[in-house]
Amino acid sequence: MKDLFGWTGKILKVDLTERKTVILPTADYIDRFLGGIGIGEKIYWDESSPDLEAFHPDNPLIFMTGPLAATPTPSASRLVVCGKSPCIYPETFVFGSLGGFFPAALKNAGYDGIVIKGKADQPVYINIEKGKVEIRDASHLWGLATSKTHDIIQEELGGKPRFLSIGPGAEHGTRIGTIFSDIASSASMGFGSVMGSKNLKAIAVRGSGTIPVADRERIELIRKR
């Protein structure tokens, strides 16, 4: 496979109902669709249909980075969150964006994005570490604020994982629930409530991989300007 400069080459798809994961090749999208927004939108319409409601288990929730995340490019650790929003009437496809450490950490862990489908039969969180994926019980985290959730997961996993998580409002059906990245950045449009409808409390990622770039010296030059 040719070098995919700016990409890991893998998008993780998680079916919470079946508790199964598959890999979507990033190379299937990058020649035709621009960045995280373009790829996320294409995947959404491949995986969904216009009549699915935002809280339907088969409605996909998609997290996509862009080609500059986890490279030395300044301010590039961004994540697009896209799907059908429950906070707009009529419900429609939209996207939000967040920053923080999570987007770069996701790519360092081996994935350009995550596609979530289905609904877990109990509260769960997803742990991604160096390319390996676990779906873990989160019953003890349900009802907790995001800051407390982070503390407990970090104690369970050790190290310094980066997080996406939701709070109690998103768990209980409000249509404006937010997804928090660590505790300082968030994505609106009600996507936290979509996570809650899937019984997904959080996503934790850790990784130490690097992303290939076509011209690292030029990136370093741009950084210094």
Protein backbone atom coordinates (compact mmCIF):
# COMPACT_ATOMS: atom_id res chain seq x y z
CA MET A 1 0.00 0.00 0.00
CA LYS A 2 1.29 3.44 -0.87
CA ASP A 3 2.11 5.90 1.89
CA LEU A 4 -1.00 7.70 3.14
CA PHE A 5 0.65 10.91 4.23
CA GLY A 6 -1.36 12.46 7.05
CA TRP A 7 -3.41 9.32 7.75
CA THR A 8 -3.12 6.05 9.66
CA GLY A 9 -5.11 4.25 6.96
CA LYS A 10 -7.81 2.85 9.28
CA ILE A 11 -11.26 3.97 10.42
CA LEU A 12 -12.72 1.97 13.30
CA LYS A 13 -16.37 0.89 13.03
CA VAL A 14 -17.99 -0.31 16.26
CA ASP A 15 -21.34 -2.12 16.40
CA LEU A 16 -22.47 -1.76 20.01
CA THR A 17 -25.44 -4.10 19.57
CA GLU A 18 -23.28 -7.00 18.38
CA ARG A 19 -20.15 -5.83 20.24
CA LYS A 20 -18.13 -6.25 17.08
CA THR A 21 -15.57 -4.08 15.32
CA VAL A 22 -14.48 -3.83 11.70
CA ILE A 23 -11.97 -1.64 9.88
CA LEU A 24 -12.88 0.72 7.04
CA PRO A 25 -9.83 1.60 4.89
CA THR A 26 -9.24 5.35 4.85
CA ALA A 27 -7.78 4.97 1.36
CA ASP A 28 -11.29 4.26 0.06
CA TYR A 29 -12.24 7.90 0.75
CA ILE A 30 -9.27 10.27 0.69
CA ASP A 31 -8.97 10.58 -3.09
CA ARG A 32 -12.62 11.67 -3.45
CA PHE A 33 -13.60 13.46 -0.24
CA LEU A 34 -11.90 16.36 1.50
CA GLY A 35 -10.78 16.07 5.12
CA GLY A 36 -12.74 14.84 8.09
CA ILE A 37 -15.99 16.55 7.10
CA GLY A 38 -16.04 15.10 3.59
CA ILE A 39 -15.14 11.59 4.69
CA GLY A 40 -17.55 11.68 7.63
CA GLU A 41 -20.43 12.79 5.42
CA LYS A 42 -19.73 10.05 2.87
CA ILE A 43 -19.61 7.38 5.57
CA TYR A 44 -22.83 8.68 7.11
CA TRP A 45 -24.81 8.32 3.90
CA ASP A 46 -23.27 4.91 3.24
CA GLU A 47 -24.28 3.70 6.71
CA SER A 48 -27.65 5.45 7.16
CA SER A 49 -30.88 6.35 5.42
CA PRO A 50 -32.88 9.61 5.45
CA ASP A 51 -35.80 8.16 7.43
CA LEU A 52 -33.74 7.07 10.47
CA GLU A 53 -34.36 9.19 13.56
CA ALA A 54 -31.43 10.58 15.55
CA PHE A 55 -32.01 8.19 18.47
CA HIS A 56 -32.52 5.09 16.32
CA PRO A 57 -29.84 2.47 17.12
CA ASP A 58 -28.88 2.19 13.44
CA ASN A 59 -28.28 5.94 13.14
CA PRO A 60 -24.47 6.23 12.91
CA LEU A 61 -22.44 8.64 14.99
CA ILE A 62 -19.16 9.46 13.29
CA PHE A 63 -15.93 10.96 14.62
CA MET A 64 -13.31 11.94 12.01
CA THR A 65 -9.95 13.63 12.20
CA GLY A 66 -8.27 15.39 9.30
CA PRO A 67 -4.89 14.80 7.67
CA LEU A 68 -3.08 17.39 9.83
CA ALA A 69 -4.09 16.01 13.24
CA ALA A 70 -1.19 14.39 15.12
CA THR A 71 1.35 16.07 12.84
CA PRO A 72 3.55 19.00 13.91
CA THR A 73 1.06 21.42 12.29
CA PRO A 74 -0.09 24.02 14.85
CA SER A 75 -3.71 23.95 16.12
CA ALA A 76 -4.52 20.89 14.01
CA SER A 77 -5.78 18.54 16.74
CA ARG A 78 -9.42 18.79 15.66
CA LEU A 79 -12.22 16.24 15.43
CA VAL A 80 -15.39 16.45 13.36
CA VAL A 81 -18.49 14.85 14.90
CA CYS A 82 -21.28 14.21 12.42
CA GLY A 83 -24.62 12.50 12.21
CA LYS A 84 -28.31 13.28 12.50
CA SER A 85 -28.94 15.93 15.15
CA PRO A 86 -31.80 15.53 17.65
CA CYS A 87 -31.77 19.23 18.56
CA ILE A 88 -32.96 20.49 15.16
CA TYR A 89 -36.51 20.17 13.80
CA PRO A 90 -36.87 18.46 11.49
CA GLU A 91 -33.92 16.27 12.45
CA THR A 92 -31.19 16.58 9.86
CA PHE A 93 -27.56 15.72 9.15
CA VAL A 94 -25.13 18.20 10.69
CA PHE A 95 -21.59 18.28 12.01
CA GLY A 96 -19.84 19.77 15.02
CA SER A 97 -16.19 20.15 15.90
CA LEU A 98 -14.01 19.89 18.97
CA GLY A 99 -10.35 20.10 19.86
CA GLY A 100 -8.15 19.16 22.78
CA PHE A 101 -5.83 16.17 22.99
CA PHE A 102 -8.30 13.48 21.90
CA PRO A 103 -8.06 13.92 18.09
CA ALA A 104 -4.27 13.57 18.00
CA ALA A 105 -4.39 10.73 20.54
CA LEU A 106 -6.89 8.83 18.37
CA LYS A 107 -4.53 8.93 15.40
CA ASN A 108 -1.56 8.04 17.59
CA ALA A 109 -3.60 5.01 18.70
CA GLY A 110 -3.93 3.91 15.07
CA TYR A 111 -7.25 5.27 13.78
CA ASP A 112 -8.31 8.21 11.62
CA GLY A 113 -11.89 8.05 12.83
CA ILE A 114 -14.59 6.07 14.62
CA VAL A 115 -18.05 5.06 13.39
CA ILE A 116 -20.52 4.06 16.12
CA LYS A 117 -23.67 2.08 15.31
CA GLY A 118 -26.15 0.07 17.34
CA LYS A 119 -27.05 0.28 21.02
CA ALA A 120 -25.37 -1.54 23.89
CA ASP A 121 -27.61 -3.55 26.21
CA GLN A 122 -26.11 -1.73 29.20
CA PRO A 123 -23.90 1.35 29.72
CA VAL A 124 -20.46 0.85 28.20
CA TYR A 125 -17.33 2.74 27.32
CA ILE A 126 -14.85 2.03 24.54
CA ASN A 127 -11.16 1.71 25.33
CA ILE A 128 -8.70 2.06 22.45
CA GLU A 129 -5.03 1.45 23.17
CA LYS A 130 -2.35 1.11 20.51
CA GLY A 131 -4.82 -0.20 17.97
CA LYS A 132 -6.60 -2.63 20.30
CA VAL A 133 -10.28 -2.06 21.10
CA GLU A 134 -12.31 -3.08 24.15
CA ILE A 135 -15.97 -2.49 24.96
CA ARG A 136 -16.08 -2.24 28.76
CA ASP A 137 -18.84 -2.03 31.34
CA ALA A 138 -19.77 1.53 32.36
CA SER A 139 -22.70 0.84 34.70
CA HIS A 140 -20.68 2.32 37.57
CA LEU A 141 -20.12 5.50 35.54
CA TRP A 142 -23.73 6.12 34.50
CA GLY A 143 -25.07 9.25 36.15
CA LEU A 144 -21.64 10.74 36.86
CA ALA A 145 -20.31 14.07 35.64
CA THR A 146 -17.65 13.97 32.95
CA SER A 147 -14.84 15.02 35.30
CA LYS A 148 -15.61 12.16 37.72
CA THR A 149 -15.96 9.74 34.81
CA HIS A 150 -12.50 10.67 33.59
CA ASP A 151 -10.98 10.20 37.04
CA ILE A 152 -12.44 6.71 37.43
CA ILE A 153 -11.52 5.51 33.93
CA GLN A 154 -8.00 6.83 34.34
CA GLU A 155 -7.67 4.92 37.60
CA GLU A 156 -8.96 1.75 35.89
CA LEU A 157 -6.72 2.00 32.84
CA GLY A 158 -3.65 3.71 34.22
CA GLY A 159 -1.50 6.11 32.25
CA LYS A 160 -2.98 9.22 30.69
CA PRO A 161 -5.84 8.31 28.35
CA ARG A 162 -7.67 11.02 26.45
CA PHE A 163 -11.45 11.07 26.56
CA LEU A 164 -14.74 11.78 24.91
CA SER A 165 -17.59 11.52 27.39
CA ILE A 166 -21.12 12.60 28.24
CA GLY A 167 -22.84 13.73 31.42
CA PRO A 168 -26.18 12.85 33.05
CA GLY A 169 -28.28 15.13 30.85
CA ALA A 170 -27.17 13.38 27.68
CA GLU A 171 -27.82 10.01 29.31
CA HIS A 172 -31.44 10.85 30.07
CA GLY A 173 -32.76 12.00 26.73
CA THR A 174 -32.29 15.74 26.55
CA ARG A 175 -31.91 16.73 22.90
CA ILE A 176 -29.07 19.18 23.50
CA GLY A 177 -26.53 16.93 25.23
CA THR A 178 -22.88 17.74 24.57
CA ILE A 179 -19.83 15.54 24.01
CA PHE A 180 -16.84 16.67 26.04
CA SER A 181 -13.24 16.13 24.95
CA ASP A 182 -11.34 15.64 28.21
CA ILE A 183 -13.07 18.40 30.22
CA ALA A 184 -12.23 21.54 28.26
CA SER A 185 -13.57 21.18 24.71
CA SER A 186 -16.99 20.15 23.50
CA ALA A 187 -19.09 19.46 20.40
CA SER A 188 -22.67 20.68 20.32
CA MET A 189 -25.64 19.77 18.05
CA GLY A 190 -26.99 17.23 20.53
CA PHE A 191 -24.46 14.51 19.71
CA GLY A 192 -23.91 13.79 23.39
CA SER A 193 -27.54 12.72 23.53
CA VAL A 194 -26.98 10.43 20.55
CA MET A 195 -24.13 8.81 22.50
CA GLY A 196 -26.46 8.47 25.47
CA SER A 197 -29.15 6.83 23.34
CA LYS A 198 -26.58 4.18 22.42
CA ASN A 199 -25.66 3.60 26.10
CA LEU A 200 -22.15 4.83 25.30
CA LYS A 201 -20.74 6.78 28.24
CA ALA A 202 -17.21 7.48 27.00
CA ILE A 203 -14.39 6.70 24.61
CA ALA A 204 -10.85 6.51 25.98
CA VAL A 205 -7.77 6.44 23.74
CA ARG A 206 -4.05 5.99 24.23
CA GLY A 207 -1.31 5.54 21.68
CA SER A 208 2.27 6.32 20.83
CA GLY A 209 2.28 5.95 17.05
CA THR A 210 3.36 8.61 14.59
CA ILE A 211 1.74 9.91 11.41
CA PRO A 212 3.75 10.01 8.17
CA VAL A 213 4.00 13.42 6.52
CA ALA A 214 5.22 14.17 3.00
CA ASP A 215 7.48 17.10 3.90
CA ARG A 216 8.28 17.39 7.60
CA GLU A 217 10.91 20.07 7.05
CA ARG A 218 8.37 22.33 5.38
CA ILE A 219 5.92 21.84 8.23
CA GLU A 220 8.63 22.80 10.71
CA LEU A 221 9.40 25.90 8.64
CA ILE A 222 5.73 26.93 8.66
CA ARG A 223 5.56 26.42 12.43
CA LYS A 224 8.38 28.90 12.97
CA ARG A 225 6.81 31.68 10.93
